[in-house]
Amino acid sequence: MPNKQELAADIRKNYGNMLNIRQATRALGFKDPRAAQRFLDGVPYCDTGRQKKYLASDIAYRISCQMSQLCTAASSTSC
């Protein structure tokens, strides 16, 4: 499982350091921007007036949190 720094570096390499919702949707692998928005609820963002911009490190942190929760839930149910 990649760590948070590796995820952030990969996102930065492909999309830059600050992502709008369309870029975040592609980075997360969602087809629907509303699904990406629900996934990113609670993640800090910068409001530029026209759009929200999310830091790659914050998106990577959310991904790592979700992955660790899934791994914890899977290991606890398999025992």
C-alpha atoms as a PDB file:
ATOM      1  CA  MET A   1       0.000   0.000   0.000  1.00  0.00           C
ATOM      2  CA  PRO A   2       1.557   3.353  -1.012  1.00  0.00           C
ATOM      3  CA  ASN A   3       2.058   5.913   1.710  1.00  0.00           C
ATOM      4  CA  LYS A   4       0.712   9.435   1.768  1.00  0.00           C
ATOM      5  CA  GLN A   5       3.902  11.034   0.382  1.00  0.00           C
ATOM      6  CA  GLU A   6       4.003   8.662  -2.586  1.00  0.00           C
ATOM      7  CA  LEU A   7       0.344   9.316  -3.365  1.00  0.00           C
ATOM      8  CA  ALA A   8       0.838  13.096  -3.167  1.00  0.00           C
ATOM      9  CA  ALA A   9       3.923  12.919  -5.411  1.00  0.00           C
ATOM     10  CA  ASP A  10       2.016  10.871  -7.991  1.00  0.00           C
ATOM     11  CA  ILE A  11      -0.916  13.300  -7.964  1.00  0.00           C
ATOM     12  CA  ARG A  12       1.440  16.296  -8.292  1.00  0.00           C
ATOM     13  CA  LYS A  13       3.295  14.650 -11.185  1.00  0.00           C
ATOM     14  CA  ASN A  14       0.100  14.019 -13.141  1.00  0.00           C
ATOM     15  CA  TYR A  15      -2.185  16.910 -12.143  1.00  0.00           C
ATOM     16  CA  GLY A  16      -0.145  19.590 -10.360  1.00  0.00           C
ATOM     17  CA  ASN A  17      -0.250  20.685  -6.716  1.00  0.00           C
ATOM     18  CA  MET A  18      -3.717  22.269  -6.715  1.00  0.00           C
ATOM     19  CA  LEU A  19      -6.603  20.403  -8.319  1.00  0.00           C
ATOM     20  CA  ASN A  20     -10.082  21.585  -9.183  1.00  0.00           C
ATOM     21  CA  ILE A  21     -12.998  19.154  -8.907  1.00  0.00           C
ATOM     22  CA  ARG A  22     -12.666  17.983 -12.527  1.00  0.00           C
ATOM     23  CA  GLN A  23      -8.987  17.113 -12.057  1.00  0.00           C
ATOM     24  CA  ALA A  24      -9.691  15.517  -8.677  1.00  0.00           C
ATOM     25  CA  THR A  25     -12.425  13.408 -10.282  1.00  0.00           C
ATOM     26  CA  ARG A  26      -9.933  12.038 -12.811  1.00  0.00           C
ATOM     27  CA  ALA A  27      -7.193  11.568 -10.189  1.00  0.00           C
ATOM     28  CA  LEU A  28      -9.545   9.602  -7.935  1.00  0.00           C
ATOM     29  CA  GLY A  29     -10.876   7.484 -10.789  1.00  0.00           C
ATOM     30  CA  PHE A  30     -14.483   8.622 -10.466  1.00  0.00           C
ATOM     31  CA  LYS A  31     -16.707   9.198 -13.484  1.00  0.00           C
ATOM     32  CA  ASP A  32     -19.102  11.542 -11.694  1.00  0.00           C
ATOM     33  CA  PRO A  33     -17.828  14.820 -10.185  1.00  0.00           C
ATOM     34  CA  ARG A  34     -20.556  14.594  -7.529  1.00  0.00           C
ATOM     35  CA  ALA A  35     -19.093  11.296  -6.300  1.00  0.00           C
ATOM     36  CA  ALA A  36     -15.661  12.926  -6.085  1.00  0.00           C
ATOM     37  CA  GLN A  37     -17.200  15.882  -4.240  1.00  0.00           C
ATOM     38  CA  ARG A  38     -18.779  13.522  -1.697  1.00  0.00           C
ATOM     39  CA  PHE A  39     -15.424  11.763  -1.256  1.00  0.00           C
ATOM     40  CA  LEU A  40     -13.708  15.132  -0.702  1.00  0.00           C
ATOM     41  CA  ASP A  41     -16.268  16.465   1.798  1.00  0.00           C
ATOM     42  CA  GLY A  42     -14.338  17.736   4.788  1.00  0.00           C
ATOM     43  CA  VAL A  43     -11.067  18.182   2.883  1.00  0.00           C
ATOM     44  CA  PRO A  44      -9.781  21.772   3.143  1.00  0.00           C
ATOM     45  CA  TYR A  45      -9.884  23.771  -0.085  1.00  0.00           C
ATOM     46  CA  CYS A  46      -9.036  27.185  -1.458  1.00  0.00           C
ATOM     47  CA  ASP A  47     -12.006  29.037  -2.909  1.00  0.00           C
ATOM     48  CA  THR A  48     -10.843  31.056  -5.906  1.00  0.00           C
ATOM     49  CA  GLY A  49     -14.285  32.547  -6.507  1.00  0.00           C
ATOM     50  CA  ARG A  50     -15.119  30.395  -9.505  1.00  0.00           C
ATOM     51  CA  GLN A  51     -13.951  27.016  -8.263  1.00  0.00           C
ATOM     52  CA  LYS A  52     -12.579  25.118  -5.314  1.00  0.00           C
ATOM     53  CA  LYS A  53      -8.936  24.016  -5.435  1.00  0.00           C
ATOM     54  CA  TYR A  54      -7.687  21.096  -3.357  1.00  0.00           C
ATOM     55  CA  LEU A  55      -4.056  20.470  -2.412  1.00  0.00           C
ATOM     56  CA  ALA A  56      -2.578  17.212  -3.666  1.00  0.00           C
ATOM     57  CA  SER A  57      -1.333  16.431  -0.143  1.00  0.00           C
ATOM     58  CA  ASP A  58      -4.854  16.807   1.300  1.00  0.00           C
ATOM     59  CA  ILE A  59      -6.307  14.507  -1.353  1.00  0.00           C
ATOM     60  CA  ALA A  60      -3.531  11.977  -0.686  1.00  0.00           C
ATOM     61  CA  TYR A  61      -4.295  12.164   3.044  1.00  0.00           C
ATOM     62  CA  ARG A  62      -7.995  11.443   2.400  1.00  0.00           C
ATOM     63  CA  ILE A  63      -7.104   8.488   0.172  1.00  0.00           C
ATOM     64  CA  SER A  64      -4.717   7.055   2.772  1.00  0.00           C
ATOM     65  CA  CYS A  65      -7.328   7.452   5.527  1.00  0.00           C
ATOM     66  CA  GLN A  66      -9.948   5.653   3.443  1.00  0.00           C
ATOM     67  CA  MET A  67      -7.499   2.889   2.526  1.00  0.00           C
ATOM     68  CA  SER A  68      -6.477   2.354   6.148  1.00  0.00           C
ATOM     69  CA  GLN A  69     -10.138   2.208   7.233  1.00  0.00           C
ATOM     70  CA  LEU A  70     -10.870  -0.382   4.547  1.00  0.00           C
ATOM     71  CA  CYS A  71      -7.834  -2.442   5.524  1.00  0.00           C
ATOM     72  CA  THR A  72      -8.764  -2.280   9.203  1.00  0.00           C
ATOM     73  CA  ALA A  73     -12.353  -3.301   8.502  1.00  0.00           C
ATOM     74  CA  ALA A  74     -11.275  -6.146   6.212  1.00  0.00           C
ATOM     75  CA  SER A  75      -8.768  -7.531   8.710  1.00  0.00           C
ATOM     76  CA  SER A  76     -11.230  -7.377  11.594  1.00  0.00           C
ATOM     77  CA  THR A  77     -13.970  -9.230   9.695  1.00  0.00           C
ATOM     78  CA  SER A  78     -11.666 -11.915   8.365  1.00  0.00           C
ATOM     79  CA  CYS A  79     -10.592 -13.110  11.826  1.00  0.00           C
END
